[in-house]
Amino acid sequence: MSGLDEILNIIDEQQKETERNIMNAAEKRIREINEDTAVKAERAYIDHIERAKVKAEHDFMTSCTTVDSFFRRKLLEYKVSCIDRAVEAAIEKLRDLPDQEYFDMMLRLIKRELRSDSGIVSFGSKDLSRLPADFKDRLSAEASKLGGSITLSSEPADIEDGFILTYGNISENCSFRAVVESERESVRDTAAKALFGQVSK
């Protein structure tokens, strides 16, 4: 082998060695990149799962809260509806009392509002037509006990039941509907306790 051939062989070997080194370095870098990418991908996957889990739990709790609020609202609406129906039924029951019982109750209610002054009691047309014969005298007797007087109006008031009590320029509507409206919360609370054993909140 001539000296030139030997030099060419050396160069060829060096070139092959360089290529091997480059290839080895490249493969090593590729492995490192792949391993790093795998680690990052795994970490990204875990982070994504954790975020998704947190979001899912949050969405679930939000849904539960929304559903709970919905059913609480519906339950409250149902309870209020039951209470209102019970109040309406009570009003109808009072209206349908036998005449004597009805006007005994009216007298008790009027007594609570009497003053030592001159007043007027007005009834609706239905009640005026069924007044007991002794009601006027009993009413006057109760007013006299307080040093006052009471007149029973012959003109019907624009009410279905109960009465209107007037002293001077001040009139108090004591019809069942007006009393219920003025004491709505108290009436509802009383009805709620009777129906559900609790206050209607």
N, C-alpha and C. Protein backbone atom coordinates (compact mmCIF):
# COMPACT_ATOMS: atom_id res chain seq x y z
N MET A 1 0.87 -1.20 0.00
CA MET A 1 0.00 0.00 0.00
C MET A 1 0.89 1.23 0.00
N SER A 2 0.57 2.12 -0.89
CA SER A 2 1.38 3.33 -0.99
C SER A 2 1.02 4.27 0.14
N GLY A 3 1.82 5.25 0.34
CA GLY A 3 1.57 6.22 1.41
C GLY A 3 0.29 6.98 1.20
N LEU A 4 -0.08 7.22 -0.08
CA LEU A 4 -1.31 7.96 -0.36
C LEU A 4 -2.52 7.15 0.06
N ASP A 5 -2.47 5.83 -0.29
CA ASP A 5 -3.59 4.97 0.08
C ASP A 5 -3.76 4.91 1.59
N GLU A 6 -2.65 4.87 2.29
CA GLU A 6 -2.70 4.81 3.76
C GLU A 6 -3.33 6.08 4.31
N ILE A 7 -2.94 7.20 3.73
CA ILE A 7 -3.51 8.49 4.18
C ILE A 7 -5.01 8.52 3.93
N LEU A 8 -5.42 8.01 2.75
CA LEU A 8 -6.84 8.00 2.41
C LEU A 8 -7.63 7.09 3.35
N ASN A 9 -7.01 5.93 3.70
CA ASN A 9 -7.65 5.01 4.66
C ASN A 9 -7.84 5.67 6.03
N ILE A 10 -6.80 6.39 6.45
CA ILE A 10 -6.87 7.08 7.76
C ILE A 10 -7.99 8.12 7.73
N ILE A 11 -8.01 8.85 6.63
CA ILE A 11 -9.05 9.89 6.51
C ILE A 11 -10.44 9.25 6.52
N ASP A 12 -10.55 8.11 5.79
CA ASP A 12 -11.84 7.41 5.71
C ASP A 12 -12.28 6.92 7.08
N GLU A 13 -11.31 6.35 7.82
CA GLU A 13 -11.62 5.86 9.17
C GLU A 13 -12.02 7.00 10.09
N GLN A 14 -11.30 8.11 9.96
CA GLN A 14 -11.62 9.27 10.82
C GLN A 14 -13.02 9.79 10.47
N GLN A 15 -13.33 9.76 9.18
CA GLN A 15 -14.64 10.25 8.76
C GLN A 15 -15.75 9.35 9.31
N LYS A 16 -15.49 8.00 9.22
CA LYS A 16 -16.47 7.06 9.74
C LYS A 16 -16.63 7.22 11.25
N GLU A 17 -15.50 7.42 11.94
CA GLU A 17 -15.55 7.62 13.40
C GLU A 17 -16.32 8.87 13.75
N THR A 18 -16.07 9.90 12.96
CA THR A 18 -16.79 11.18 13.19
C THR A 18 -18.27 10.99 12.97
N GLU A 19 -18.61 10.25 11.89
CA GLU A 19 -20.02 9.98 11.61
C GLU A 19 -20.67 9.18 12.73
N ARG A 20 -19.90 8.17 13.22
CA ARG A 20 -20.43 7.36 14.33
C ARG A 20 -20.66 8.23 15.56
N ASN A 21 -19.69 9.08 15.84
CA ASN A 21 -19.82 9.97 17.01
C ASN A 21 -21.02 10.91 16.87
N ILE A 22 -21.14 11.44 15.65
CA ILE A 22 -22.27 12.35 15.41
C ILE A 22 -23.60 11.61 15.56
N MET A 23 -23.65 10.38 14.97
CA MET A 23 -24.87 9.58 15.05
C MET A 23 -25.19 9.20 16.49
N ASN A 24 -24.14 8.78 17.22
CA ASN A 24 -24.33 8.43 18.63
C ASN A 24 -24.83 9.62 19.44
N ALA A 25 -24.21 10.78 19.19
CA ALA A 25 -24.62 12.00 19.90
C ALA A 25 -26.06 12.36 19.54
N ALA A 26 -26.38 12.21 18.26
CA ALA A 26 -27.74 12.53 17.81
C ALA A 26 -28.76 11.59 18.44
N GLU A 27 -28.43 10.27 18.45
CA GLU A 27 -29.34 9.30 19.05
C GLU A 27 -29.52 9.53 20.54
N LYS A 28 -28.39 9.90 21.20
CA LYS A 28 -28.47 10.20 22.64
C LYS A 28 -29.37 11.40 22.88
N ARG A 29 -29.20 12.42 22.03
CA ARG A 29 -30.03 13.64 22.18
C ARG A 29 -31.50 13.33 21.93
N ILE A 30 -31.72 12.47 20.92
CA ILE A 30 -33.09 12.08 20.61
C ILE A 30 -33.71 11.35 21.80
N ARG A 31 -32.92 10.43 22.41
CA ARG A 31 -33.43 9.72 23.60
C ARG A 31 -33.73 10.69 24.73
N GLU A 32 -32.81 11.66 24.94
CA GLU A 32 -33.02 12.65 26.00
C GLU A 32 -34.27 13.47 25.74
N ILE A 33 -34.42 13.89 24.46
CA ILE A 33 -35.60 14.68 24.09
C ILE A 33 -36.88 13.86 24.30
N ASN A 34 -36.80 12.57 23.85
CA ASN A 34 -37.97 11.70 24.01
C ASN A 34 -38.33 11.49 25.48
N GLU A 35 -37.28 11.25 26.30
CA GLU A 35 -37.52 11.06 27.74
C GLU A 35 -38.07 12.33 28.37
N ASP A 36 -37.48 13.49 28.01
CA ASP A 36 -37.94 14.77 28.55
C ASP A 36 -39.38 15.05 28.11
N THR A 37 -39.63 14.74 26.82
CA THR A 37 -40.98 14.95 26.29
C THR A 37 -41.98 14.03 27.00
N ALA A 38 -41.57 12.79 27.23
CA ALA A 38 -42.44 11.84 27.92
C ALA A 38 -42.76 12.31 29.33
N VAL A 39 -41.73 12.82 30.03
CA VAL A 39 -41.92 13.33 31.40
C VAL A 39 -42.86 14.53 31.39
N LYS A 40 -42.59 15.46 30.42
CA LYS A 40 -43.45 16.64 30.33
C LYS A 40 -44.88 16.27 29.95
N ALA A 41 -44.98 15.31 29.02
CA ALA A 41 -46.31 14.86 28.61
C ALA A 41 -47.05 14.23 29.78
N GLU A 42 -46.33 13.41 30.57
CA GLU A 42 -46.93 12.78 31.74
C GLU A 42 -47.37 13.82 32.75
N ARG A 43 -46.48 14.81 32.97
CA ARG A 43 -46.80 15.87 33.92
C ARG A 43 -48.00 16.68 33.43
N ALA A 44 -48.00 17.00 32.12
CA ALA A 44 -49.11 17.75 31.54
C ALA A 44 -50.41 16.95 31.64
N TYR A 45 -50.32 15.65 31.42
CA TYR A 45 -51.49 14.78 31.52
C TYR A 45 -52.04 14.77 32.95
N ILE A 46 -51.10 14.61 33.91
CA ILE A 46 -51.51 14.59 35.33
C ILE A 46 -52.13 15.93 35.71
N ASP A 47 -51.48 17.04 35.28
CA ASP A 47 -52.01 18.37 35.58
C ASP A 47 -53.40 18.55 34.97
N HIS A 48 -53.54 18.08 33.73
CA HIS A 48 -54.83 18.20 33.06
C HIS A 48 -55.90 17.40 33.80
N ILE A 49 -55.55 16.18 34.19
CA ILE A 49 -56.50 15.34 34.94
C ILE A 49 -56.88 16.00 36.26
N GLU A 50 -55.89 16.57 36.96
CA GLU A 50 -56.16 17.22 38.24
C GLU A 50 -57.08 18.42 38.04
N ARG A 51 -56.76 19.23 37.01
CA ARG A 51 -57.60 20.40 36.74
C ARG A 51 -59.02 19.96 36.34
N ALA A 52 -59.08 18.92 35.52
CA ALA A 52 -60.39 18.42 35.10
C ALA A 52 -61.17 17.89 36.30
N LYS A 53 -60.45 17.22 37.21
CA LYS A 53 -61.10 16.67 38.41
C LYS A 53 -61.64 17.80 39.29
N VAL A 54 -60.80 18.84 39.48
CA VAL A 54 -61.23 19.99 40.30
C VAL A 54 -62.43 20.66 39.66
N LYS A 55 -62.37 20.85 38.32
CA LYS A 55 -63.48 21.49 37.61
C LYS A 55 -64.75 20.64 37.70
N ALA A 56 -64.57 19.32 37.53
CA ALA A 56 -65.72 18.41 37.61
C ALA A 56 -66.35 18.47 39.00
N GLU A 57 -65.50 18.48 40.05
CA GLU A 57 -66.02 18.56 41.42
C GLU A 57 -66.74 19.89 41.63
N HIS A 58 -66.14 20.97 41.09
CA HIS A 58 -66.76 22.29 41.23
C HIS A 58 -68.10 22.33 40.50
N ASP A 59 -68.11 21.79 39.27
CA ASP A 59 -69.35 21.77 38.50
C ASP A 59 -70.40 20.91 39.19
N PHE A 60 -69.97 19.80 39.78
CA PHE A 60 -70.90 18.91 40.49
C PHE A 60 -71.50 19.63 41.69
N MET A 61 -70.64 20.31 42.48
CA MET A 61 -71.13 21.03 43.65
C MET A 61 -72.06 22.16 43.25
N THR A 62 -71.69 22.85 42.16
CA THR A 62 -72.55 23.94 41.66
C THR A 62 -73.91 23.39 41.25
N SER A 63 -73.89 22.24 40.55
CA SER A 63 -75.14 21.61 40.13
C SER A 63 -75.97 21.19 41.34
N CYS A 64 -75.29 20.62 42.34
CA CYS A 64 -76.00 20.20 43.57
C CYS A 64 -76.63 21.40 44.26
N THR A 65 -75.87 22.50 44.33
CA THR A 65 -76.38 23.71 44.97
C THR A 65 -77.58 24.25 44.20
N THR A 66 -77.46 24.24 42.86
CA THR A 66 -78.56 24.73 42.03
C THR A 66 -79.81 23.87 42.21
N VAL A 67 -79.61 22.55 42.17
CA VAL A 67 -80.74 21.63 42.35
C VAL A 67 -81.34 21.77 43.74
N ASP A 68 -80.44 21.88 44.75
CA ASP A 68 -80.91 22.03 46.14
C ASP A 68 -81.73 23.31 46.28
N SER A 69 -81.23 24.42 45.68
CA SER A 69 -81.96 25.69 45.74
C SER A 69 -83.30 25.57 45.05
N PHE A 70 -83.30 24.87 43.91
CA PHE A 70 -84.54 24.69 43.14
C PHE A 70 -85.58 23.94 43.98
N PHE A 71 -85.15 22.83 44.59
CA PHE A 71 -86.10 22.04 45.37
C PHE A 71 -86.52 22.76 46.65
N ARG A 72 -85.58 23.51 47.25
CA ARG A 72 -85.96 24.29 48.43
C ARG A 72 -87.02 25.33 48.06
N ARG A 73 -86.80 25.98 46.90
CA ARG A 73 -87.75 26.98 46.45
C ARG A 73 -89.10 26.35 46.16
N LYS A 74 -89.07 25.18 45.47
CA LYS A 74 -90.32 24.49 45.16
C LYS A 74 -91.03 24.03 46.44
N LEU A 75 -90.23 23.56 47.42
CA LEU A 75 -90.82 23.12 48.69
C LEU A 75 -91.46 24.30 49.41
N LEU A 76 -90.75 25.45 49.40
CA LEU A 76 -91.30 26.64 50.04
C LEU A 76 -92.58 27.08 49.34
N GLU A 77 -92.56 27.06 47.99
CA GLU A 77 -93.76 27.43 47.24
C GLU A 77 -94.92 26.50 47.59
N TYR A 78 -94.60 25.21 47.70
CA TYR A 78 -95.64 24.23 48.05
C TYR A 78 -96.19 24.50 49.45
N LYS A 79 -95.29 24.78 50.40
CA LYS A 79 -95.73 25.04 51.77
C LYS A 79 -96.59 26.30 51.83
N VAL A 80 -96.13 27.36 51.13
CA VAL A 80 -96.91 28.60 51.12
C VAL A 80 -98.28 28.36 50.49
N SER A 81 -98.28 27.55 49.41
CA SER A 81 -99.55 27.22 48.76
C SER A 81 -100.48 26.47 49.72
N CYS A 82 -99.91 25.51 50.46
CA CYS A 82 -100.70 24.75 51.44
C CYS A 82 -101.24 25.67 52.53
N ILE A 83 -100.37 26.57 52.99
CA ILE A 83 -100.78 27.51 54.04
C ILE A 83 -101.89 28.42 53.55
N ASP A 84 -101.72 28.96 52.32
CA ASP A 84 -102.75 29.85 51.78
C ASP A 84 -104.07 29.11 51.60
N ARG A 85 -104.00 27.85 51.15
CA ARG A 85 -105.24 27.07 51.00
C ARG A 85 -105.87 26.81 52.37
N ALA A 86 -105.02 26.57 53.38
CA ALA A 86 -105.55 26.34 54.72
C ALA A 86 -106.23 27.59 55.26
N VAL A 87 -105.62 28.75 54.98
CA VAL A 87 -106.21 30.02 55.43
C VAL A 87 -107.54 30.25 54.73
N GLU A 88 -107.57 29.99 53.39
CA GLU A 88 -108.81 30.16 52.65
C GLU A 88 -109.90 29.21 53.17
N ALA A 89 -109.49 27.99 53.49
CA ALA A 89 -110.45 27.02 54.02
C ALA A 89 -110.99 27.48 55.37
N ALA A 90 -110.09 28.08 56.19
CA ALA A 90 -110.51 28.57 57.50
C ALA A 90 -111.51 29.72 57.35
N ILE A 91 -111.24 30.61 56.37
CA ILE A 91 -112.17 31.73 56.14
C ILE A 91 -113.54 31.20 55.72
N GLU A 92 -113.54 30.23 54.80
CA GLU A 92 -114.80 29.65 54.34
C GLU A 92 -115.55 28.97 55.50
N LYS A 93 -114.78 28.32 56.37
CA LYS A 93 -115.40 27.65 57.52
C LYS A 93 -116.05 28.67 58.45
N LEU A 94 -115.38 29.81 58.66
CA LEU A 94 -115.94 30.86 59.51
C LEU A 94 -117.20 31.44 58.88
N ARG A 95 -117.15 31.65 57.56
CA ARG A 95 -118.32 32.20 56.86
C ARG A 95 -119.53 31.26 56.95
N ASP A 96 -119.25 29.96 56.99
CA ASP A 96 -120.33 28.97 56.97
C ASP A 96 -120.81 28.55 58.36
N LEU A 97 -120.30 29.22 59.39
CA LEU A 97 -120.78 28.90 60.75
C LEU A 97 -122.28 29.15 60.84
N PRO A 98 -122.97 28.39 61.69
CA PRO A 98 -124.39 28.69 61.94
C PRO A 98 -124.53 30.13 62.44
N ASP A 99 -125.64 30.74 62.15
CA ASP A 99 -125.82 32.17 62.47
C ASP A 99 -125.47 32.51 63.91
N GLN A 100 -125.96 31.73 64.86
CA GLN A 100 -125.72 32.05 66.26
C GLN A 100 -124.22 32.03 66.59
N GLU A 101 -123.55 30.99 66.13
CA GLU A 101 -122.10 30.88 66.38
C GLU A 101 -121.34 32.01 65.69
N TYR A 102 -121.75 32.32 64.47
CA TYR A 102 -121.08 33.37 63.70
C TYR A 102 -121.18 34.71 64.43
N PHE A 103 -122.37 35.06 64.87
CA PHE A 103 -122.54 36.38 65.50
C PHE A 103 -122.03 36.41 66.94
N ASP A 104 -121.98 35.26 67.59
CA ASP A 104 -121.28 35.22 68.89
C ASP A 104 -119.81 35.55 68.69
N MET A 105 -119.24 35.01 67.62
CA MET A 105 -117.85 35.31 67.30
C MET A 105 -117.68 36.79 66.94
N MET A 106 -118.61 37.33 66.14
CA MET A 106 -118.56 38.74 65.78
C MET A 106 -118.58 39.62 67.02
N LEU A 107 -119.44 39.26 67.96
CA LEU A 107 -119.55 40.07 69.18
C LEU A 107 -118.24 40.04 69.96
N ARG A 108 -117.62 38.87 70.05
CA ARG A 108 -116.33 38.78 70.75
C ARG A 108 -115.27 39.63 70.05
N LEU A 109 -115.26 39.59 68.72
CA LEU A 109 -114.28 40.38 67.97
C LEU A 109 -114.53 41.88 68.12
N ILE A 110 -115.79 42.28 68.07
CA ILE A 110 -116.12 43.70 68.22
C ILE A 110 -115.75 44.19 69.61
N LYS A 111 -116.01 43.38 70.64
CA LYS A 111 -115.69 43.77 72.02
C LYS A 111 -114.23 44.14 72.17
N ARG A 112 -113.37 43.45 71.43
CA ARG A 112 -111.93 43.73 71.52
C ARG A 112 -111.57 45.10 70.97
N GLU A 113 -112.44 45.65 70.09
CA GLU A 113 -112.14 46.92 69.44
C GLU A 113 -112.95 48.10 70.01
N LEU A 114 -113.87 47.83 70.94
CA LEU A 114 -114.74 48.89 71.47
C LEU A 114 -113.95 49.92 72.28
N ARG A 115 -114.44 51.17 72.23
CA ARG A 115 -113.84 52.27 73.00
C ARG A 115 -114.92 52.98 73.81
N SER A 116 -114.49 53.83 74.69
CA SER A 116 -115.45 54.61 75.50
C SER A 116 -115.86 55.84 74.69
N ASP A 117 -116.47 55.60 73.56
CA ASP A 117 -116.85 56.66 72.63
C ASP A 117 -118.05 56.17 71.82
N SER A 118 -118.54 57.01 70.93
CA SER A 118 -119.68 56.62 70.09
C SER A 118 -119.16 56.07 68.77
N GLY A 119 -119.57 54.84 68.48
CA GLY A 119 -119.09 54.21 67.26
C GLY A 119 -120.22 53.61 66.44
N ILE A 120 -119.84 53.16 65.24
CA ILE A 120 -120.81 52.54 64.34
C ILE A 120 -120.23 51.21 63.84
N VAL A 121 -121.07 50.20 63.87
CA VAL A 121 -120.66 48.90 63.32
C VAL A 121 -121.45 48.65 62.05
N SER A 122 -120.72 48.28 60.98
CA SER A 122 -121.37 47.99 59.70
C SER A 122 -121.07 46.56 59.29
N PHE A 123 -122.10 45.88 58.79
CA PHE A 123 -121.96 44.52 58.27
C PHE A 123 -122.25 44.51 56.77
N GLY A 124 -121.80 43.46 56.11
CA GLY A 124 -122.14 43.28 54.71
C GLY A 124 -123.60 42.89 54.57
N SER A 125 -124.10 42.97 53.35
CA SER A 125 -125.53 42.72 53.11
C SER A 125 -125.95 41.31 53.55
N LYS A 126 -125.10 40.32 53.31
CA LYS A 126 -125.44 38.95 53.69
C LYS A 126 -125.63 38.83 55.20
N ASP A 127 -124.69 39.44 55.96
CA ASP A 127 -124.77 39.34 57.42
C ASP A 127 -125.91 40.20 57.98
N LEU A 128 -126.17 41.35 57.35
CA LEU A 128 -127.28 42.19 57.81
C LEU A 128 -128.61 41.45 57.73
N SER A 129 -128.74 40.61 56.69
CA SER A 129 -130.01 39.91 56.48
C SER A 129 -130.21 38.75 57.43
N ARG A 130 -129.17 38.36 58.16
CA ARG A 130 -129.32 37.22 59.07
C ARG A 130 -128.94 37.56 60.52
N LEU A 131 -128.95 38.84 60.86
CA LEU A 131 -128.62 39.25 62.23
C LEU A 131 -129.60 38.65 63.23
N PRO A 132 -129.09 38.07 64.32
CA PRO A 132 -130.00 37.58 65.38
C PRO A 132 -130.77 38.76 65.98
N ALA A 133 -131.95 38.50 66.43
CA ALA A 133 -132.82 39.56 66.95
C ALA A 133 -132.21 40.29 68.14
N ASP A 134 -131.44 39.56 68.96
CA ASP A 134 -130.90 40.18 70.17
C ASP A 134 -129.50 40.76 69.99
N PHE A 135 -128.96 40.71 68.78
CA PHE A 135 -127.57 41.12 68.58
C PHE A 135 -127.36 42.60 68.90
N LYS A 136 -128.28 43.46 68.44
CA LYS A 136 -128.14 44.90 68.66
C LYS A 136 -128.10 45.22 70.15
N ASP A 137 -128.98 44.58 70.94
CA ASP A 137 -129.02 44.83 72.38
C ASP A 137 -127.75 44.34 73.06
N ARG A 138 -127.27 43.18 72.66
CA ARG A 138 -126.03 42.64 73.24
C ARG A 138 -124.84 43.54 72.93
N LEU A 139 -124.83 44.06 71.71
CA LEU A 139 -123.75 44.95 71.29
C LEU A 139 -123.77 46.25 72.10
N SER A 140 -124.96 46.81 72.28
CA SER A 140 -125.09 48.05 73.05
C SER A 140 -124.67 47.84 74.50
N ALA A 141 -125.01 46.68 75.04
CA ALA A 141 -124.66 46.37 76.43
C ALA A 141 -123.15 46.32 76.60
N GLU A 142 -122.45 45.73 75.65
CA GLU A 142 -120.98 45.65 75.73
C GLU A 142 -120.35 47.02 75.64
N ALA A 143 -120.90 47.90 74.77
CA ALA A 143 -120.36 49.26 74.63
C ALA A 143 -120.60 50.05 75.91
N SER A 144 -121.76 49.85 76.54
CA SER A 144 -122.10 50.58 77.77
C SER A 144 -121.14 50.24 78.90
N LYS A 145 -120.64 49.00 78.93
CA LYS A 145 -119.70 48.59 79.97
C LYS A 145 -118.43 49.45 79.94
N LEU A 146 -118.09 49.98 78.76
CA LEU A 146 -116.89 50.80 78.62
C LEU A 146 -117.21 52.30 78.67
N GLY A 147 -118.49 52.62 78.90
CA GLY A 147 -118.88 54.02 78.95
C GLY A 147 -119.07 54.62 77.58
N GLY A 148 -119.26 53.77 76.57
CA GLY A 148 -119.46 54.26 75.21
C GLY A 148 -120.79 53.80 74.67
N SER A 149 -120.99 54.07 73.40
CA SER A 149 -122.21 53.62 72.73
C SER A 149 -121.85 53.13 71.34
N ILE A 150 -122.68 52.27 70.81
CA ILE A 150 -122.42 51.72 69.47
C ILE A 150 -123.73 51.65 68.70
N THR A 151 -123.68 52.07 67.47
CA THR A 151 -124.85 52.04 66.60
C THR A 151 -124.64 51.00 65.52
N LEU A 152 -125.68 50.25 65.23
CA LEU A 152 -125.61 49.24 64.18
C LEU A 152 -126.14 49.87 62.90
N SER A 153 -125.26 50.03 61.92
CA SER A 153 -125.65 50.67 60.66
C SER A 153 -126.62 49.80 59.88
N SER A 154 -127.64 50.48 59.32
CA SER A 154 -128.61 49.76 58.50
C SER A 154 -128.15 49.68 57.04
N GLU A 155 -127.10 50.42 56.71
CA GLU A 155 -126.55 50.40 55.35
C GLU A 155 -125.49 49.31 55.25
N PRO A 156 -125.60 48.44 54.25
CA PRO A 156 -124.60 47.36 54.12
C PRO A 156 -123.24 47.90 53.71
N ALA A 157 -122.21 47.33 54.31
CA ALA A 157 -120.83 47.69 53.94
C ALA A 157 -120.39 46.82 52.76
N ASP A 158 -119.40 47.28 52.05
CA ASP A 158 -118.90 46.54 50.87
C ASP A 158 -117.89 45.48 51.30
N ILE A 159 -118.35 44.52 52.09
CA ILE A 159 -117.51 43.42 52.57
C ILE A 159 -118.32 42.13 52.51
N GLU A 160 -117.62 41.01 52.45
CA GLU A 160 -118.30 39.71 52.38
C GLU A 160 -118.63 39.16 53.75
N ASP A 161 -117.80 39.52 54.74
CA ASP A 161 -117.95 38.94 56.07
C ASP A 161 -117.31 39.90 57.06
N GLY A 162 -117.34 39.54 58.35
CA GLY A 162 -116.74 40.40 59.35
C GLY A 162 -117.52 41.69 59.50
N PHE A 163 -116.80 42.76 59.85
CA PHE A 163 -117.49 44.03 60.10
C PHE A 163 -116.52 45.19 59.88
N ILE A 164 -117.09 46.38 59.83
CA ILE A 164 -116.30 47.62 59.80
C ILE A 164 -116.71 48.43 61.02
N LEU A 165 -115.74 48.82 61.82
CA LEU A 165 -116.01 49.59 63.04
C LEU A 165 -115.51 51.02 62.83
N THR A 166 -116.41 51.99 63.03
CA THR A 166 -116.07 53.39 62.77
C THR A 166 -116.22 54.22 64.03
N TYR A 167 -115.15 54.97 64.33
CA TYR A 167 -115.19 55.96 65.41
C TYR A 167 -114.76 57.28 64.79
N GLY A 168 -115.73 58.22 64.66
CA GLY A 168 -115.41 59.50 64.04
C GLY A 168 -115.00 59.30 62.58
N ASN A 169 -113.83 59.80 62.24
CA ASN A 169 -113.34 59.69 60.86
C ASN A 169 -112.47 58.47 60.63
N ILE A 170 -112.35 57.65 61.66
CA ILE A 170 -111.47 56.48 61.56
C ILE A 170 -112.31 55.21 61.47
N SER A 171 -112.11 54.47 60.37
CA SER A 171 -112.82 53.20 60.18
C SER A 171 -111.80 52.07 60.13
N GLU A 172 -112.15 50.99 60.80
CA GLU A 172 -111.28 49.81 60.79
C GLU A 172 -112.00 48.65 60.12
N ASN A 173 -111.38 48.18 59.02
CA ASN A 173 -111.96 47.07 58.27
C ASN A 173 -111.58 45.77 58.97
N CYS A 174 -112.55 45.10 59.54
CA CYS A 174 -112.32 43.84 60.24
C CYS A 174 -112.97 42.68 59.50
N SER A 175 -113.03 42.78 58.18
CA SER A 175 -113.49 41.63 57.41
C SER A 175 -112.41 40.56 57.51
N PHE A 176 -112.77 39.31 57.30
CA PHE A 176 -111.80 38.22 57.43
C PHE A 176 -110.61 38.44 56.49
N ARG A 177 -110.94 38.84 55.24
CA ARG A 177 -109.87 39.03 54.26
C ARG A 177 -108.90 40.14 54.70
N ALA A 178 -109.46 41.26 55.20
CA ALA A 178 -108.62 42.38 55.62
C ALA A 178 -107.76 42.00 56.82
N VAL A 179 -108.34 41.24 57.76
CA VAL A 179 -107.58 40.81 58.94
C VAL A 179 -106.44 39.88 58.52
N VAL A 180 -106.73 38.94 57.61
CA VAL A 180 -105.70 38.02 57.13
C VAL A 180 -104.58 38.78 56.43
N GLU A 181 -104.96 39.75 55.58
CA GLU A 181 -103.95 40.53 54.85
C GLU A 181 -103.09 41.36 55.79
N SER A 182 -103.72 41.97 56.80
CA SER A 182 -102.96 42.82 57.72
C SER A 182 -102.06 42.01 58.64
N GLU A 183 -102.43 40.76 58.87
CA GLU A 183 -101.64 39.89 59.75
C GLU A 183 -101.09 38.70 58.97
N ARG A 184 -100.79 38.91 57.69
CA ARG A 184 -100.42 37.80 56.80
C ARG A 184 -99.30 36.94 57.37
N GLU A 185 -98.19 37.55 57.80
CA GLU A 185 -97.04 36.77 58.28
C GLU A 185 -97.40 35.98 59.54
N SER A 186 -98.11 36.64 60.45
CA SER A 186 -98.51 35.97 61.68
C SER A 186 -99.46 34.81 61.39
N VAL A 187 -100.40 35.05 60.47
CA VAL A 187 -101.35 34.00 60.09
C VAL A 187 -100.63 32.84 59.43
N ARG A 188 -99.69 33.18 58.54
CA ARG A 188 -98.93 32.12 57.85
C ARG A 188 -98.09 31.32 58.83
N ASP A 189 -97.47 32.01 59.79
CA ASP A 189 -96.65 31.30 60.77
C ASP A 189 -97.50 30.35 61.60
N THR A 190 -98.67 30.82 62.00
CA THR A 190 -99.57 29.98 62.78
C THR A 190 -100.01 28.77 61.97
N ALA A 191 -100.36 29.01 60.70
CA ALA A 191 -100.78 27.91 59.83
C ALA A 191 -99.63 26.95 59.57
N ALA A 192 -98.42 27.49 59.40
CA ALA A 192 -97.25 26.64 59.14
C ALA A 192 -96.98 25.73 60.33
N LYS A 193 -97.09 26.27 61.53
CA LYS A 193 -96.88 25.44 62.72
C LYS A 193 -97.91 24.33 62.81
N ALA A 194 -99.14 24.66 62.44
CA ALA A 194 -100.21 23.67 62.50
C ALA A 194 -100.02 22.60 61.42
N LEU A 195 -99.60 23.02 60.23
CA LEU A 195 -99.47 22.09 59.10
C LEU A 195 -98.15 21.32 59.11
N PHE A 196 -97.05 22.03 59.41
CA PHE A 196 -95.72 21.43 59.27
C PHE A 196 -94.91 21.38 60.56
N GLY A 197 -95.46 21.95 61.62
CA GLY A 197 -94.73 21.95 62.89
C GLY A 197 -93.56 22.91 62.89
N GLN A 198 -93.61 23.92 62.03
CA GLN A 198 -92.51 24.89 61.97
C GLN A 198 -93.02 26.20 61.40
N VAL A 199 -92.17 27.24 61.57
CA VAL A 199 -92.52 28.55 61.05
C VAL A 199 -92.28 28.58 59.56
N SER A 200 -93.13 29.31 58.81
CA SER A 200 -93.02 29.33 57.34
C SER A 200 -91.96 30.29 56.87
N LYS A 201 -90.69 29.92 57.03
CA LYS A 201 -89.58 30.76 56.57
C LYS A 201 -89.05 30.22 55.27
